[in-house]
Amino acid sequence: MKILVASGAFKQSLTAAEACAAIAVGLRQSGLGAEIEELPIADGGNGTLDAFLASGGQRISMPAVDPLGRKIMADYGLIAGGKTAVIEMALASGLELLTPAELNPMAATTYGTGQLMADALSRGVERVIVGLGGSATVDGGMGCLQALGVKLLDGAGEDIDAGGRGLADIVTIDSDGLDARWQDVQVIIASDVENPTLGEMGAARVFGPQKGANPQMVETLERNLAHCFNLIYEQRGMDLRQATGGGAAGAFAAGLMAFLRCKIVSGIDLVLAQNRFGEKLSDCALVITGEGQIDAQTLDGKGPLGVATLAAAQGVPTIAIVGGLNIDDARLREAGVQAAFSIVDRPMTLEAALADAHDLARRAALRLGYALQAAASLE
């Protein structure tokens, strides 16, 4: 029997690779006797770079700035013989780079992500995959675009301030400094989000609170994004205010769509295709997937759903091992996940669960291995 362990990251505790490894160890310790293959996955958010590099490529580490403008080292990847760059936005502009007290989308910038993209362009790439998810920003991608050479000027002809706050001051958008080579580069936005740029389901109102915005900030961010994208419409003739998926990563997606040759693609579908997931299923009896929490958002295209959907199409069942389980089991089965099990095996705080996530995942897989053996004995 062959089992494919295709887990995503458990946020703030395990990377996708660490989660796969913990599950695989537990299964082996159960004495199951199966061939076990590990395949870390991601849907554009945390772990996307590792997932793409799982089948080979080059990791580039370079100086950049974090969401608050502090100097850090950030990674991106080169695949397809160096012709495709993989940028994981969270590694330069992500929530996990900040403490809870530092979260402030009014000030947080995507400039660091733009630095990674600019470096990739200098290496002659023909395609850039930008994985969205886990961002700390609601700046409409304007910080990123500034790093690429776009000028965002206030009434005095000065550069605007960083973050969502500065968007209110934009008077002139000057793209003359944008490198002409971007016109020949295909930019793939890897995202599972379909929210529009503005409105009740838009970037500020849906995602702002996750990034530290209080109700007053949310309304300010909404006004500032509206001002920014109204200007883009007036000055560039591109109406992205209700663009499907434009609200991803604090409207980062909409910002890139305004200036680069972009299309939005399901992140999990890209990762699974890159790692030949369909081929790996051909001799597979079971898939085990996982993430930090399965909830209603999982059904909107998150990694475990992509895994279960493709596995079901080839008649392979999927079981999920997760941190939290906050969805009706019947809905999960309809989505292709036969069963889901939480790794939390006793009353504990979130802090304790995060700190002990590796061992909790291992023990959950150990118990699953025992259960699979018991089920096989009944056949």
Protein backbone atom coordinates (compact mmCIF):
# COMPACT_ATOMS: atom_id res chain seq x y z
CA MET A 1 0.00 0.00 0.00
CA LYS A 2 1.25 3.48 -0.85
CA ILE A 3 0.16 6.53 1.12
CA LEU A 4 0.79 10.06 -0.12
CA VAL A 5 1.12 12.63 2.68
CA ALA A 6 0.28 16.00 1.11
CA SER A 7 -0.13 18.47 3.96
CA GLY A 8 -0.04 22.24 4.03
CA ALA A 9 1.45 24.38 6.78
CA PHE A 10 0.01 24.64 10.29
CA LYS A 11 0.29 28.39 10.72
CA GLN A 12 2.59 29.65 13.47
CA SER A 13 3.74 26.12 14.28
CA LEU A 14 4.67 23.81 11.39
CA THR A 15 5.78 24.41 7.84
CA ALA A 16 4.21 22.16 5.22
CA ALA A 17 7.39 20.08 5.10
CA GLU A 18 7.46 19.74 8.90
CA ALA A 19 3.79 18.74 8.99
CA CYS A 20 4.33 16.08 6.32
CA ALA A 21 7.35 14.76 8.18
CA ALA A 22 5.52 14.54 11.52
CA ILE A 23 2.60 12.67 9.95
CA ALA A 24 4.92 10.30 8.10
CA VAL A 25 6.84 9.51 11.31
CA GLY A 26 3.63 8.69 13.17
CA LEU A 27 2.39 6.40 10.41
CA ARG A 28 5.68 4.51 10.34
CA GLN A 29 5.73 4.17 14.13
CA SER A 30 2.31 2.50 13.96
CA GLY A 31 3.83 -0.40 12.06
CA LEU A 32 1.46 0.15 9.16
CA GLY A 33 3.93 -1.25 6.65
CA ALA A 34 2.94 1.12 3.86
CA GLU A 35 5.16 2.99 1.44
CA ILE A 36 4.88 6.63 2.47
CA GLU A 37 5.71 9.58 0.21
CA GLU A 38 5.78 13.16 1.47
CA LEU A 39 4.60 16.07 -0.71
CA PRO A 40 4.38 19.49 1.00
CA ILE A 41 1.62 21.66 -0.47
CA ALA A 42 0.51 25.29 -0.38
CA ASP A 43 -2.20 27.38 -2.00
CA GLY A 44 -0.28 30.62 -2.51
CA GLY A 45 0.14 31.51 1.15
CA ASN A 46 2.63 30.27 3.74
CA GLY A 47 4.83 27.47 2.43
CA THR A 48 4.32 28.21 -1.27
CA LEU A 49 8.03 28.61 -2.00
CA ASP A 50 8.94 25.36 -0.24
CA ALA A 51 6.16 23.55 -2.08
CA PHE A 52 7.39 24.72 -5.49
CA LEU A 53 11.00 23.88 -4.68
CA ALA A 54 10.05 20.36 -3.52
CA SER A 55 10.64 19.12 -7.07
CA GLY A 56 13.86 21.09 -7.58
CA GLY A 57 15.05 24.62 -8.20
CA GLN A 58 17.26 27.32 -6.70
CA ARG A 59 16.59 29.31 -3.53
CA ILE A 60 17.75 32.94 -3.61
CA SER A 61 18.25 34.86 -0.35
CA MET A 62 18.59 38.63 -0.52
CA PRO A 63 18.20 41.81 1.52
CA ALA A 64 14.70 43.29 1.57
CA VAL A 65 12.43 45.16 3.97
CA ASP A 66 9.66 43.75 6.14
CA PRO A 67 6.13 45.26 6.29
CA LEU A 68 7.35 48.04 8.58
CA GLY A 69 10.38 48.89 6.46
CA ARG A 70 13.00 47.13 8.58
CA LYS A 71 15.89 45.35 6.86
CA ILE A 72 15.58 41.56 6.68
CA MET A 73 16.80 38.68 4.51
CA ALA A 74 14.05 37.20 2.37
CA ASP A 75 13.97 34.23 -0.01
CA TYR A 76 12.46 33.53 -3.39
CA GLY A 77 12.97 30.69 -5.85
CA LEU A 78 13.96 30.01 -9.44
CA ILE A 79 12.53 26.98 -11.24
CA ALA A 80 12.19 25.81 -14.85
CA GLY A 81 15.88 26.31 -15.50
CA GLY A 82 15.85 29.77 -14.00
CA LYS A 83 13.14 31.06 -16.32
CA THR A 84 10.38 31.16 -13.67
CA ALA A 85 10.60 32.97 -10.35
CA VAL A 86 8.46 31.97 -7.37
CA ILE A 87 7.76 34.81 -4.94
CA GLU A 88 6.04 34.00 -1.66
CA MET A 89 4.65 37.34 -0.54
CA ALA A 90 4.53 36.30 3.12
CA LEU A 91 8.33 35.99 3.25
CA ALA A 92 8.79 39.74 2.76
CA SER A 93 5.41 41.27 3.58
CA GLY A 94 3.82 38.69 5.86
CA LEU A 95 1.96 38.68 9.15
CA GLU A 96 4.41 36.29 10.74
CA LEU A 97 7.21 38.84 10.36
CA LEU A 98 5.46 41.03 12.94
CA THR A 99 4.45 40.60 16.54
CA PRO A 100 0.73 40.96 17.33
CA ALA A 101 1.42 44.40 18.80
CA GLU A 102 3.10 45.53 15.56
CA LEU A 103 0.20 44.72 13.24
CA ASN A 104 -0.85 47.95 11.54
CA PRO A 105 -2.14 47.90 7.95
CA MET A 106 -2.20 51.69 7.95
CA ALA A 107 1.62 51.59 7.91
CA ALA A 108 2.47 48.13 6.53
CA THR A 109 3.94 48.06 3.02
CA THR A 110 4.43 45.51 0.24
CA TYR A 111 7.70 47.18 -0.80
CA GLY A 112 9.77 44.13 0.19
CA THR A 113 7.80 41.88 -2.16
CA GLY A 114 8.55 44.34 -4.96
CA GLN A 115 12.27 44.10 -4.15
CA LEU A 116 12.14 40.32 -4.64
CA MET A 117 10.30 40.74 -7.94
CA ALA A 118 12.80 43.35 -9.16
CA ASP A 119 15.71 41.03 -8.38
CA ALA A 120 14.04 38.19 -10.26
CA LEU A 121 13.55 40.46 -13.29
CA SER A 122 17.25 41.34 -13.23
CA ARG A 123 18.03 37.62 -13.62
CA GLY A 124 16.13 37.44 -16.90
CA VAL A 125 13.05 35.47 -15.84
CA GLU A 126 10.19 35.06 -18.29
CA ARG A 127 7.50 34.25 -15.76
CA VAL A 128 6.90 35.26 -12.14
CA ILE A 129 4.56 33.36 -9.85
CA VAL A 130 3.51 35.51 -6.89
CA GLY A 131 1.90 33.53 -4.08
CA LEU A 132 -0.57 35.62 -2.10
CA GLY A 133 -1.61 34.82 1.43
CA GLY A 134 -0.54 35.64 4.96
CA SER A 135 0.18 39.29 4.13
CA ALA A 136 0.23 42.03 6.77
CA THR A 137 -0.76 44.72 4.29
CA VAL A 138 -3.71 46.64 2.84
CA ASP A 139 -1.81 49.00 0.55
CA GLY A 140 -3.28 47.89 -2.78
CA GLY A 141 0.13 46.60 -3.80
CA MET A 142 1.36 50.18 -4.15
CA GLY A 143 4.46 49.58 -2.05
CA CYS A 144 5.45 46.71 -4.35
CA LEU A 145 4.90 48.90 -7.40
CA GLN A 146 7.03 51.66 -5.92
CA ALA A 147 9.86 49.14 -5.58
CA LEU A 148 9.37 48.34 -9.28
CA GLY A 149 9.71 52.00 -10.26
CA VAL A 150 6.16 53.37 -10.23
CA LYS A 151 5.96 56.88 -8.74
CA LEU A 152 3.03 57.66 -6.43
CA LEU A 153 3.15 61.39 -5.77
CA ASP A 154 1.21 63.73 -3.51
CA GLY A 155 0.12 67.29 -4.32
CA ALA A 156 3.62 68.60 -3.65
CA GLY A 157 5.20 66.07 -6.02
CA GLU A 158 6.65 64.03 -3.15
CA ASP A 159 6.45 60.28 -2.63
CA ILE A 160 3.48 59.25 -0.50
CA ASP A 161 3.95 57.59 2.89
CA ALA A 162 4.08 53.80 3.08
CA GLY A 163 1.05 51.65 3.89
CA GLY A 164 -2.68 52.03 3.60
CA ARG A 165 -2.58 55.49 5.17
CA GLY A 166 -0.50 56.98 2.35
CA LEU A 167 -2.97 56.00 -0.38
CA ALA A 168 -5.19 58.94 0.56
CA ASP A 169 -2.47 61.39 -0.58
CA ILE A 170 -1.95 60.09 -4.11
CA VAL A 171 -2.48 62.78 -6.74
CA THR A 172 -0.29 61.55 -9.58
CA ILE A 173 0.59 58.03 -10.71
CA ASP A 174 3.71 57.98 -12.91
CA SER A 175 4.68 54.60 -14.37
CA ASP A 176 7.49 55.89 -16.65
CA GLY A 177 10.06 54.35 -14.29
CA LEU A 178 8.57 50.85 -14.56
CA ASP A 179 11.12 48.60 -16.28
CA ALA A 180 10.03 47.96 -19.87
CA ARG A 181 11.03 44.31 -19.53
CA TRP A 182 7.90 43.70 -17.45
CA GLN A 183 5.87 43.89 -20.66
CA ASP A 184 7.46 40.59 -21.74
CA VAL A 185 7.06 38.83 -18.39
CA GLN A 186 3.97 36.83 -17.51
CA VAL A 187 2.94 37.40 -13.90
CA ILE A 188 0.87 34.61 -12.36
CA ILE A 189 -0.99 35.57 -9.19
CA ALA A 190 -1.38 32.38 -7.15
CA SER A 191 -4.42 32.95 -4.96
CA ASP A 192 -7.53 31.20 -3.69
CA VAL A 193 -9.38 34.47 -3.01
CA GLU A 194 -12.25 35.71 -5.20
CA ASN A 195 -13.09 38.85 -3.18
CA PRO A 196 -13.35 42.10 -5.15
CA THR A 197 -11.07 45.04 -4.53
CA LEU A 198 -13.67 47.25 -2.83
CA GLY A 199 -16.99 46.93 -1.05
CA GLU A 200 -18.50 44.80 1.68
CA MET A 201 -16.62 41.72 0.49
CA GLY A 202 -13.52 43.68 -0.47
CA ALA A 203 -9.96 43.84 0.80
CA ALA A 204 -10.40 46.32 3.66
CA ARG A 205 -13.62 45.05 5.19
CA VAL A 206 -12.97 41.31 4.92
CA PHE A 207 -9.22 41.09 5.43
CA GLY A 208 -8.35 44.31 7.26
CA PRO A 209 -9.32 42.98 10.72
CA GLN A 210 -7.09 39.94 10.22
CA LYS A 211 -4.15 42.31 9.76
CA GLY A 212 -4.83 44.37 12.88
CA ALA A 213 -7.32 46.96 11.64
CA ASN A 214 -9.95 48.20 14.10
CA PRO A 215 -13.39 49.28 12.76
CA GLN A 216 -12.27 52.89 12.25
CA MET A 217 -9.16 51.76 10.39
CA VAL A 218 -11.24 49.47 8.18
CA GLU A 219 -13.37 52.37 6.98
CA THR A 220 -10.29 54.55 6.42
CA LEU A 221 -8.61 51.78 4.44
CA GLU A 222 -11.75 51.32 2.34
CA ARG A 223 -11.83 55.04 1.49
CA ASN A 224 -8.12 55.11 0.73
CA LEU A 225 -8.26 52.06 -1.52
CA ALA A 226 -11.27 53.56 -3.31
CA HIS A 227 -9.33 56.79 -3.88
CA CYS A 228 -6.34 54.86 -5.21
CA PHE A 229 -8.29 52.69 -7.64
CA ASN A 230 -10.49 55.58 -8.74
CA LEU A 231 -7.29 57.37 -9.76
CA ILE A 232 -6.02 54.28 -11.56
CA TYR A 233 -9.29 54.23 -13.50
CA GLU A 234 -9.08 57.93 -14.31
CA GLN A 235 -5.38 58.01 -15.19
CA ARG A 236 -4.88 54.55 -16.71
CA GLY A 237 -8.36 53.61 -17.90
CA MET A 238 -8.41 50.35 -15.96
CA ASP A 239 -11.41 49.72 -13.72
CA LEU A 240 -10.34 47.19 -11.11
CA ARG A 241 -12.64 48.34 -8.33
CA GLN A 242 -14.83 45.25 -8.54
CA ALA A 243 -12.32 42.88 -10.15
CA THR A 244 -12.88 39.29 -9.06
CA GLY A 245 -9.92 38.30 -6.91
CA GLY A 246 -8.63 41.88 -6.84
CA GLY A 247 -9.05 42.05 -3.05
CA ALA A 248 -6.47 39.32 -2.39
CA ALA A 249 -3.67 40.27 0.02
CA GLY A 250 -5.06 43.70 0.81
CA ALA A 251 -5.84 44.44 -2.87
CA PHE A 252 -2.27 43.56 -3.83
CA ALA A 253 -3.71 41.53 -6.72
CA ALA A 254 -5.59 44.50 -8.13
CA GLY A 255 -2.51 46.70 -7.91
CA LEU A 256 -0.40 44.27 -9.92
CA MET A 257 -3.18 43.82 -12.47
CA ALA A 258 -3.15 47.57 -13.10
CA PHE A 259 0.49 47.72 -14.19
CA LEU A 260 1.75 44.23 -15.11
CA ARG A 261 0.70 41.47 -17.48
CA CYS A 262 -1.17 39.36 -14.91
CA LYS A 263 -3.64 36.56 -14.51
CA ILE A 264 -5.01 34.96 -11.35
CA VAL A 265 -4.67 31.19 -11.03
CA SER A 266 -5.56 28.79 -8.21
CA GLY A 267 -2.46 28.48 -6.06
CA ILE A 268 -3.02 24.87 -5.07
CA ASP A 269 -3.61 23.84 -8.69
CA LEU A 270 -0.27 25.41 -9.67
CA VAL A 271 1.61 23.66 -6.87
CA LEU A 272 0.06 20.26 -7.54
CA ALA A 273 0.79 20.52 -11.26
CA GLN A 274 4.40 21.56 -10.58
CA ASN A 275 4.91 18.49 -8.37
CA ARG A 276 3.07 16.07 -10.70
CA PHE A 277 0.49 15.22 -8.06
CA GLY A 278 -1.78 13.48 -10.57
CA GLU A 279 1.01 11.09 -11.58
CA LYS A 280 1.79 10.29 -7.95
CA LEU A 281 -1.83 9.21 -7.42
CA SER A 282 -1.64 6.47 -10.03
CA ASP A 283 -0.43 3.81 -7.56
CA CYS A 284 -1.70 5.44 -4.37
CA ALA A 285 -4.22 3.85 -1.98
CA LEU A 286 -4.74 6.84 0.33
CA VAL A 287 -3.95 10.54 0.56
CA ILE A 288 -3.49 12.27 3.90
CA THR A 289 -3.71 16.04 3.80
CA GLY A 290 -3.75 18.68 6.53
CA GLU A 291 -3.62 22.31 7.61
CA GLY A 292 -3.89 24.40 10.76
CA GLN A 293 -7.68 24.59 10.65
CA ILE A 294 -10.34 23.21 8.35
CA ASP A 295 -13.31 25.53 8.18
CA ALA A 296 -15.67 27.05 5.61
CA GLN A 297 -12.77 28.88 3.93
CA THR A 298 -11.19 25.51 3.14
CA LEU A 299 -14.03 24.90 0.70
CA ASP A 300 -13.16 28.10 -1.18
CA GLY A 301 -10.10 26.57 -2.83
CA LYS A 302 -7.65 26.03 0.02
CA GLY A 303 -4.93 23.42 -0.29
CA PRO A 304 -6.66 20.41 1.30
CA LEU A 305 -9.69 20.86 -0.94
CA GLY A 306 -7.52 20.94 -4.07
CA VAL A 307 -5.81 17.76 -2.94
CA ALA A 308 -9.08 15.97 -2.14
CA THR A 309 -10.73 17.06 -5.40
CA LEU A 310 -7.95 15.72 -7.61
CA ALA A 311 -7.60 12.55 -5.54
CA ALA A 312 -11.35 11.86 -5.73
CA ALA A 313 -11.23 12.25 -9.51
CA GLN A 314 -8.83 9.28 -9.58
CA GLY A 315 -10.78 7.27 -7.02
CA VAL A 316 -8.30 7.78 -4.19
CA PRO A 317 -9.77 8.59 -0.75
CA THR A 318 -8.48 11.51 1.32
CA ILE A 319 -8.21 11.84 5.11
CA ALA A 320 -7.26 15.11 6.81
CA ILE A 321 -5.18 15.60 9.96
CA VAL A 322 -5.69 19.15 11.18
CA GLY A 323 -5.11 21.48 14.10
CA GLY A 324 -8.70 22.66 14.38
CA LEU A 325 -11.90 21.30 12.89
CA ASN A 326 -14.65 23.87 12.46
CA ILE A 327 -16.94 22.54 9.75
CA ASP A 328 -19.75 20.04 9.37
CA ASP A 329 -18.47 16.56 8.54
CA ALA A 330 -21.11 16.09 5.86
CA ARG A 331 -19.85 19.18 3.99
CA LEU A 332 -16.32 17.81 4.13
CA ARG A 333 -17.40 14.49 2.66
CA GLU A 334 -19.21 16.30 -0.14
CA ALA A 335 -15.92 18.09 -0.85
CA GLY A 336 -14.04 14.79 -1.10
CA VAL A 337 -12.53 14.49 2.39
CA GLN A 338 -13.73 11.17 3.83
CA ALA A 339 -12.78 12.04 7.41
CA ALA A 340 -10.89 14.68 9.36
CA PHE A 341 -9.18 14.36 12.72
CA SER A 342 -7.90 17.07 15.04
CA ILE A 343 -4.42 16.66 16.50
CA VAL A 344 -5.60 18.26 19.77
CA ASP A 345 -6.09 15.23 22.01
CA ARG A 346 -6.82 16.91 25.35
CA PRO A 347 -7.92 20.29 26.73
CA MET A 348 -5.11 22.79 26.08
CA THR A 349 -4.48 26.42 25.28
CA LEU A 350 -3.75 27.58 21.75
CA GLU A 351 -0.22 28.46 22.87
CA ALA A 352 0.35 24.92 24.11
CA ALA A 353 -1.04 23.41 20.89
CA LEU A 354 1.22 25.59 18.75
CA ALA A 355 4.28 24.78 20.84
CA ASP A 356 3.64 21.01 20.74
CA ALA A 357 2.25 20.81 17.20
CA HIS A 358 4.92 18.45 15.84
CA ASP A 359 4.37 15.81 18.51
CA LEU A 360 0.59 16.24 18.41
CA ALA A 361 0.59 15.67 14.64
CA ARG A 362 2.87 12.65 15.00
CA ARG A 363 0.62 11.09 17.64
CA ALA A 364 -2.51 11.74 15.58
CA ALA A 365 -0.90 9.95 12.63
CA LEU A 366 0.16 7.11 14.93
CA ARG A 367 -3.46 6.61 16.02
CA LEU A 368 -4.62 6.82 12.40
CA GLY A 369 -2.08 4.13 11.49
CA TYR A 370 -3.46 1.85 14.18
CA ALA A 371 -7.00 2.49 12.94
CA LEU A 372 -6.07 1.71 9.33
CA GLN A 373 -4.56 -1.61 10.42
CA ALA A 374 -7.68 -2.47 12.40
CA ALA A 375 -9.87 -1.63 9.41
CA ALA A 376 -7.74 -3.82 7.13
CA SER A 377 -8.14 -6.75 9.51
CA LEU A 378 -11.92 -6.54 9.13
CA GLU A 379 -11.84 -6.96 5.37
